[in-house]
PDB file of N, CA and C in Angstrom:
ATOM      1  N   UNK A   1     -23.371  -0.767 -30.279  1.00  0.00           N
ATOM      2  CA  UNK A   1     -22.242  -1.673 -30.326  1.00  0.00           C
ATOM      3  C   UNK A   1     -22.320  -2.632 -29.147  1.00  0.00           C
ATOM      4  N   UNK A   2     -22.265  -3.908 -29.402  1.00  0.00           N
ATOM      5  CA  UNK A   2     -22.300  -4.909 -28.349  1.00  0.00           C
ATOM      6  C   UNK A   2     -20.918  -5.087 -27.755  1.00  0.00           C
ATOM      7  N   UNK A   3     -20.885  -5.202 -26.439  1.00  0.00           N
ATOM      8  CA  UNK A   3     -19.615  -5.447 -25.756  1.00  0.00           C
ATOM      9  C   UNK A   3     -19.318  -6.929 -25.750  1.00  0.00           C
ATOM     10  N   UNK A   4     -18.050  -7.263 -25.887  1.00  0.00           N
ATOM     11  CA  UNK A   4     -17.630  -8.655 -25.846  1.00  0.00           C
ATOM     12  C   UNK A   4     -17.608  -9.176 -24.423  1.00  0.00           C
ATOM     13  N   UNK A   5     -17.200 -10.410 -24.256  1.00  0.00           N
ATOM     14  CA  UNK A   5     -17.150 -11.010 -22.924  1.00  0.00           C
ATOM     15  C   UNK A   5     -16.058 -10.355 -22.074  1.00  0.00           C
ATOM     16  N   UNK A   6     -16.225 -10.477 -20.763  1.00  0.00           N
ATOM     17  CA  UNK A   6     -15.202  -9.978 -19.852  1.00  0.00           C
ATOM     18  C   UNK A   6     -13.931 -10.794 -20.010  1.00  0.00           C
ATOM     19  N   UNK A   7     -12.808 -10.111 -19.917  1.00  0.00           N
ATOM     20  CA  UNK A   7     -11.508 -10.762 -19.975  1.00  0.00           C
ATOM     21  C   UNK A   7     -10.890 -10.686 -18.591  1.00  0.00           C
ATOM     22  N   UNK A   8     -10.292 -11.777 -18.137  1.00  0.00           N
ATOM     23  CA  UNK A   8      -9.705 -11.802 -16.801  1.00  0.00           C
ATOM     24  C   UNK A   8      -8.195 -11.827 -16.885  1.00  0.00           C
ATOM     25  N   UNK A   9      -7.560 -11.393 -15.789  1.00  0.00           N
ATOM     26  CA  UNK A   9      -6.143 -11.642 -15.661  1.00  0.00           C
ATOM     27  C   UNK A   9      -5.206 -10.467 -15.577  1.00  0.00           C
ATOM     28  N   UNK A  10      -5.653  -9.266 -15.256  1.00  0.00           N
ATOM     29  CA  UNK A  10      -4.737  -8.128 -15.179  1.00  0.00           C
ATOM     30  C   UNK A  10      -4.566  -7.684 -13.733  1.00  0.00           C
ATOM     31  N   UNK A  11      -3.334  -7.362 -13.386  1.00  0.00           N
ATOM     32  CA  UNK A  11      -3.027  -6.719 -12.110  1.00  0.00           C
ATOM     33  C   UNK A  11      -2.336  -5.406 -12.424  1.00  0.00           C
ATOM     34  N   UNK A  12      -2.876  -4.315 -11.900  1.00  0.00           N
ATOM     35  CA  UNK A  12      -2.316  -2.983 -12.126  1.00  0.00           C
ATOM     36  C   UNK A  12      -1.540  -2.569 -10.892  1.00  0.00           C
ATOM     37  N   UNK A  13      -0.285  -2.152 -11.088  1.00  0.00           N
ATOM     38  CA  UNK A  13       0.483  -1.567  -9.997  1.00  0.00           C
ATOM     39  C   UNK A  13      -0.042  -0.147  -9.817  1.00  0.00           C
ATOM     40  N   UNK A  14      -0.864   0.037  -8.800  1.00  0.00           N
ATOM     41  CA  UNK A  14      -1.602   1.277  -8.611  1.00  0.00           C
ATOM     42  C   UNK A  14      -0.910   2.144  -7.567  1.00  0.00           C
ATOM     43  N   UNK A  15      -0.161   3.138  -8.032  1.00  0.00           N
ATOM     44  CA  UNK A  15       0.636   3.989  -7.148  1.00  0.00           C
ATOM     45  C   UNK A  15      -0.187   5.062  -6.460  1.00  0.00           C
ATOM     46  N   UNK A  16      -1.352   5.353  -6.996  1.00  0.00           N
ATOM     47  CA  UNK A  16      -2.151   6.451  -6.481  1.00  0.00           C
ATOM     48  C   UNK A  16      -2.052   7.684  -7.357  1.00  0.00           C
ATOM     49  N   UNK A  17      -1.232   7.624  -8.385  1.00  0.00           N
ATOM     50  CA  UNK A  17      -1.069   8.744  -9.301  1.00  0.00           C
ATOM     51  C   UNK A  17      -1.962   8.621 -10.524  1.00  0.00           C
ATOM     52  N   UNK A  18      -1.910   9.649 -11.343  1.00  0.00           N
ATOM     53  CA  UNK A  18      -2.807   9.711 -12.496  1.00  0.00           C
ATOM     54  C   UNK A  18      -2.468   8.674 -13.570  1.00  0.00           C
ATOM     55  N   UNK A  19      -1.185   8.349 -13.733  1.00  0.00           N
ATOM     56  CA  UNK A  19      -0.808   7.391 -14.780  1.00  0.00           C
ATOM     57  C   UNK A  19      -1.374   5.999 -14.500  1.00  0.00           C
ATOM     58  N   UNK A  20      -1.149   5.490 -13.295  1.00  0.00           N
ATOM     59  CA  UNK A  20      -1.645   4.146 -12.996  1.00  0.00           C
ATOM     60  C   UNK A  20      -3.168   4.129 -12.894  1.00  0.00           C
ATOM     61  N   UNK A  21      -3.775   5.224 -12.441  1.00  0.00           N
ATOM     62  CA  UNK A  21      -5.234   5.303 -12.401  1.00  0.00           C
ATOM     63  C   UNK A  21      -5.815   5.256 -13.816  1.00  0.00           C
ATOM     64  N   UNK A  22      -5.130   5.892 -14.759  1.00  0.00           N
ATOM     65  CA  UNK A  22      -5.578   5.875 -16.154  1.00  0.00           C
ATOM     66  C   UNK A  22      -5.464   4.482 -16.749  1.00  0.00           C
ATOM     67  N   UNK A  23      -4.392   3.773 -16.432  1.00  0.00           N
ATOM     68  CA  UNK A  23      -4.233   2.395 -16.911  1.00  0.00           C
ATOM     69  C   UNK A  23      -5.368   1.528 -16.380  1.00  0.00           C
ATOM     70  N   UNK A  24      -5.666   1.660 -15.099  1.00  0.00           N
ATOM     71  CA  UNK A  24      -6.766   0.882 -14.522  1.00  0.00           C
ATOM     72  C   UNK A  24      -8.087   1.209 -15.213  1.00  0.00           C
ATOM     73  N   UNK A  25      -8.374   2.495 -15.389  1.00  0.00           N
ATOM     74  CA  UNK A  25      -9.619   2.899 -16.044  1.00  0.00           C
ATOM     75  C   UNK A  25      -9.700   2.369 -17.473  1.00  0.00           C
ATOM     76  N   UNK A  26      -8.585   2.411 -18.207  1.00  0.00           N
ATOM     77  CA  UNK A  26      -8.577   1.927 -19.592  1.00  0.00           C
ATOM     78  C   UNK A  26      -8.838   0.425 -19.648  1.00  0.00           C
ATOM     79  N   UNK A  27      -8.236  -0.328 -18.742  1.00  0.00           N
ATOM     80  CA  UNK A  27      -8.479  -1.776 -18.716  1.00  0.00           C
ATOM     81  C   UNK A  27      -9.941  -2.074 -18.410  1.00  0.00           C
ATOM     82  N   UNK A  28     -10.477  -1.403 -17.420  1.00  0.00           N
ATOM     83  CA  UNK A  28     -11.874  -1.638 -17.061  1.00  0.00           C
ATOM     84  C   UNK A  28     -12.804  -1.225 -18.189  1.00  0.00           C
ATOM     85  N   UNK A  29     -12.441  -0.173 -18.911  1.00  0.00           N
ATOM     86  CA  UNK A  29     -13.237   0.262 -20.061  1.00  0.00           C
ATOM     87  C   UNK A  29     -13.241  -0.798 -21.158  1.00  0.00           C
ATOM     88  N   UNK A  30     -12.168  -1.557 -21.248  1.00  0.00           N
ATOM     89  CA  UNK A  30     -12.069  -2.643 -22.224  1.00  0.00           C
ATOM     90  C   UNK A  30     -12.633  -3.959 -21.672  1.00  0.00           C
ATOM     91  N   UNK A  31     -13.315  -3.867 -20.539  1.00  0.00           N
ATOM     92  CA  UNK A  31     -13.967  -5.007 -19.893  1.00  0.00           C
ATOM     93  C   UNK A  31     -12.989  -6.065 -19.400  1.00  0.00           C
ATOM     94  N   UNK A  32     -11.789  -5.623 -19.039  1.00  0.00           N
ATOM     95  CA  UNK A  32     -10.804  -6.513 -18.420  1.00  0.00           C
ATOM     96  C   UNK A  32     -11.051  -6.495 -16.917  1.00  0.00           C
ATOM     97  N   UNK A  33     -11.138  -7.666 -16.313  1.00  0.00           N
ATOM     98  CA  UNK A  33     -11.277  -7.757 -14.861  1.00  0.00           C
ATOM     99  C   UNK A  33      -9.894  -7.529 -14.273  1.00  0.00           C
ATOM    100  N   UNK A  34      -9.747  -6.458 -13.501  1.00  0.00           N
ATOM    101  CA  UNK A  34      -8.428  -6.077 -13.000  1.00  0.00           C
ATOM    102  C   UNK A  34      -8.398  -6.033 -11.481  1.00  0.00           C
ATOM    103  N   UNK A  35      -7.270  -6.449 -10.930  1.00  0.00           N
ATOM    104  CA  UNK A  35      -6.946  -6.273  -9.520  1.00  0.00           C
ATOM    105  C   UNK A  35      -5.939  -5.135  -9.438  1.00  0.00           C
ATOM    106  N   UNK A  36      -5.799  -4.541  -8.265  1.00  0.00           N
ATOM    107  CA  UNK A  36      -4.793  -3.499  -8.111  1.00  0.00           C
ATOM    108  C   UNK A  36      -3.859  -3.856  -6.958  1.00  0.00           C
ATOM    109  N   UNK A  37      -2.628  -3.404  -7.088  1.00  0.00           N
ATOM    110  CA  UNK A  37      -1.597  -3.682  -6.101  1.00  0.00           C
ATOM    111  C   UNK A  37      -0.814  -2.409  -5.834  1.00  0.00           C
ATOM    112  N   UNK A  38      -0.682  -2.052  -4.561  1.00  0.00           N
ATOM    113  CA  UNK A  38       0.151  -0.929  -4.146  1.00  0.00           C
ATOM    114  C   UNK A  38       1.425  -1.491  -3.540  1.00  0.00           C
ATOM    115  N   UNK A  39       2.572  -0.928  -3.900  1.00  0.00           N
ATOM    116  CA  UNK A  39       3.854  -1.393  -3.386  1.00  0.00           C
ATOM    117  C   UNK A  39       4.489  -0.289  -2.551  1.00  0.00           C
ATOM    118  N   UNK A  40       4.758  -0.607  -1.280  1.00  0.00           N
ATOM    119  CA  UNK A  40       5.470   0.298  -0.372  1.00  0.00           C
ATOM    120  C   UNK A  40       6.943  -0.072  -0.452  1.00  0.00           C
ATOM    121  N   UNK A  41       7.705   0.783  -1.115  1.00  0.00           N
ATOM    122  CA  UNK A  41       9.149   0.539  -1.242  1.00  0.00           C
ATOM    123  C   UNK A  41       9.941   1.558  -0.418  1.00  0.00           C
ATOM    124  N   UNK A  42       9.282   2.192   0.554  1.00  0.00           N
ATOM    125  CA  UNK A  42       9.939   3.139   1.428  1.00  0.00           C
ATOM    126  C   UNK A  42       9.905   4.573   0.926  1.00  0.00           C
ATOM    127  N   UNK A  43       9.011   4.865  -0.014  1.00  0.00           N
ATOM    128  CA  UNK A  43       8.909   6.215  -0.542  1.00  0.00           C
ATOM    129  C   UNK A  43       8.455   7.186   0.562  1.00  0.00           C
ATOM    130  N   UNK A  44       8.932   8.432   0.515  1.00  0.00           N
ATOM    131  CA  UNK A  44       8.602   9.396   1.567  1.00  0.00           C
ATOM    132  C   UNK A  44       7.100   9.652   1.737  1.00  0.00           C
ATOM    133  N   UNK A  45       6.335   9.638   0.675  1.00  0.00           N
ATOM    134  CA  UNK A  45       4.904   9.951   0.740  1.00  0.00           C
ATOM    135  C   UNK A  45       4.043   8.695   0.768  1.00  0.00           C
ATOM    136  N   UNK A  46       4.551   7.629   1.376  1.00  0.00           N
ATOM    137  CA  UNK A  46       3.864   6.339   1.316  1.00  0.00           C
ATOM    138  C   UNK A  46       2.433   6.402   1.852  1.00  0.00           C
ATOM    139  N   UNK A  47       2.202   7.124   2.914  1.00  0.00           N
ATOM    140  CA  UNK A  47       0.852   7.191   3.487  1.00  0.00           C
ATOM    141  C   UNK A  47      -0.157   7.796   2.537  1.00  0.00           C
ATOM    142  N   UNK A  48       0.201   8.927   1.957  1.00  0.00           N
ATOM    143  CA  UNK A  48      -0.702   9.599   1.017  1.00  0.00           C
ATOM    144  C   UNK A  48      -0.914   8.767  -0.239  1.00  0.00           C
ATOM    145  N   UNK A  49       0.173   8.157  -0.732  1.00  0.00           N
ATOM    146  CA  UNK A  49       0.067   7.346  -1.943  1.00  0.00           C
ATOM    147  C   UNK A  49      -0.784   6.107  -1.700  1.00  0.00           C
ATOM    148  N   UNK A  50      -0.597   5.463  -0.545  1.00  0.00           N
ATOM    149  CA  UNK A  50      -1.400   4.278  -0.220  1.00  0.00           C
ATOM    150  C   UNK A  50      -2.878   4.653  -0.139  1.00  0.00           C
ATOM    151  N   UNK A  51      -3.179   5.763   0.538  1.00  0.00           N
ATOM    152  CA  UNK A  51      -4.573   6.198   0.665  1.00  0.00           C
ATOM    153  C   UNK A  51      -5.188   6.507  -0.700  1.00  0.00           C
ATOM    154  N   UNK A  52      -4.430   7.193  -1.547  1.00  0.00           N
ATOM    155  CA  UNK A  52      -4.929   7.528  -2.890  1.00  0.00           C
ATOM    156  C   UNK A  52      -5.150   6.266  -3.711  1.00  0.00           C
ATOM    157  N   UNK A  53      -4.215   5.331  -3.630  1.00  0.00           N
ATOM    158  CA  UNK A  53      -4.330   4.080  -4.372  1.00  0.00           C
ATOM    159  C   UNK A  53      -5.582   3.302  -3.949  1.00  0.00           C
ATOM    160  N   UNK A  54      -5.791   3.198  -2.646  1.00  0.00           N
ATOM    161  CA  UNK A  54      -6.970   2.480  -2.144  1.00  0.00           C
ATOM    162  C   UNK A  54      -8.258   3.180  -2.567  1.00  0.00           C
ATOM    163  N   UNK A  55      -8.265   4.510  -2.542  1.00  0.00           N
ATOM    164  CA  UNK A  55      -9.459   5.267  -2.935  1.00  0.00           C
ATOM    165  C   UNK A  55      -9.775   5.078  -4.420  1.00  0.00           C
ATOM    166  N   UNK A  56      -8.746   5.045  -5.250  1.00  0.00           N
ATOM    167  CA  UNK A  56      -8.948   4.837  -6.692  1.00  0.00           C
ATOM    168  C   UNK A  56      -9.525   3.446  -6.942  1.00  0.00           C
ATOM    169  N   UNK A  57      -8.943   2.436  -6.308  1.00  0.00           N
ATOM    170  CA  UNK A  57      -9.453   1.070  -6.469  1.00  0.00           C
ATOM    171  C   UNK A  57     -10.901   0.981  -6.008  1.00  0.00           C
ATOM    172  N   UNK A  58     -11.204   1.604  -4.882  1.00  0.00           N
ATOM    173  CA  UNK A  58     -12.570   1.604  -4.366  1.00  0.00           C
ATOM    174  C   UNK A  58     -13.523   2.299  -5.344  1.00  0.00           C
ATOM    175  N   UNK A  59     -13.082   3.408  -5.907  1.00  0.00           N
ATOM    176  CA  UNK A  59     -13.907   4.143  -6.867  1.00  0.00           C
ATOM    177  C   UNK A  59     -14.293   3.274  -8.063  1.00  0.00           C
ATOM    178  N   UNK A  60     -13.360   2.450  -8.525  1.00  0.00           N
ATOM    179  CA  UNK A  60     -13.620   1.604  -9.689  1.00  0.00           C
ATOM    180  C   UNK A  60     -14.168   0.228  -9.311  1.00  0.00           C
ATOM    181  N   UNK A  61     -14.281  -0.038  -8.014  1.00  0.00           N
ATOM    182  CA  UNK A  61     -14.867  -1.299  -7.569  1.00  0.00           C
ATOM    183  C   UNK A  61     -13.996  -2.511  -7.810  1.00  0.00           C
ATOM    184  N   UNK A  62     -12.685  -2.323  -7.799  1.00  0.00           N
ATOM    185  CA  UNK A  62     -11.796  -3.478  -8.005  1.00  0.00           C
ATOM    186  C   UNK A  62     -11.064  -3.799  -6.702  1.00  0.00           C
ATOM    187  N   UNK A  63     -10.545  -4.993  -6.612  1.00  0.00           N
ATOM    188  CA  UNK A  63      -9.838  -5.396  -5.411  1.00  0.00           C
ATOM    189  C   UNK A  63      -8.528  -4.632  -5.295  1.00  0.00           C
ATOM    190  N   UNK A  64      -8.044  -4.474  -4.059  1.00  0.00           N
ATOM    191  CA  UNK A  64      -6.839  -3.714  -3.776  1.00  0.00           C
ATOM    192  C   UNK A  64      -6.013  -4.458  -2.741  1.00  0.00           C
ATOM    193  N   UNK A  65      -4.720  -4.569  -2.999  1.00  0.00           N
ATOM    194  CA  UNK A  65      -3.797  -5.189  -2.056  1.00  0.00           C
ATOM    195  C   UNK A  65      -2.588  -4.290  -1.896  1.00  0.00           C
ATOM    196  N   UNK A  66      -1.920  -4.442  -0.761  1.00  0.00           N
ATOM    197  CA  UNK A  66      -0.722  -3.659  -0.484  1.00  0.00           C
ATOM    198  C   UNK A  66       0.430  -4.597  -0.168  1.00  0.00           C
ATOM    199  N   UNK A  67       1.592  -4.303  -0.715  1.00  0.00           N
ATOM    200  CA  UNK A  67       2.791  -5.098  -0.499  1.00  0.00           C
ATOM    201  C   UNK A  67       3.841  -4.211   0.139  1.00  0.00           C
ATOM    202  N   UNK A  68       4.361  -4.652   1.272  1.00  0.00           N
ATOM    203  CA  UNK A  68       5.415  -3.878   1.944  1.00  0.00           C
ATOM    204  C   UNK A  68       6.709  -4.642   1.997  1.00  0.00           C
TER     205      UNK A  68
END
């Protein structure tokens, strides 16, 4: 099966959890060029979540940004 052209334009809100990681993986599997964004809204586990989010983005080779 031949893959179609890459599609651009998705930003995934990547919390560091399994749900957002799955969304990112599914988009990349569909050849969508995706960026990731972590949002610090004052959650108690912000450090761990930020680290997990950055690690997931790094694993998939996509860009990662953080918003505080």
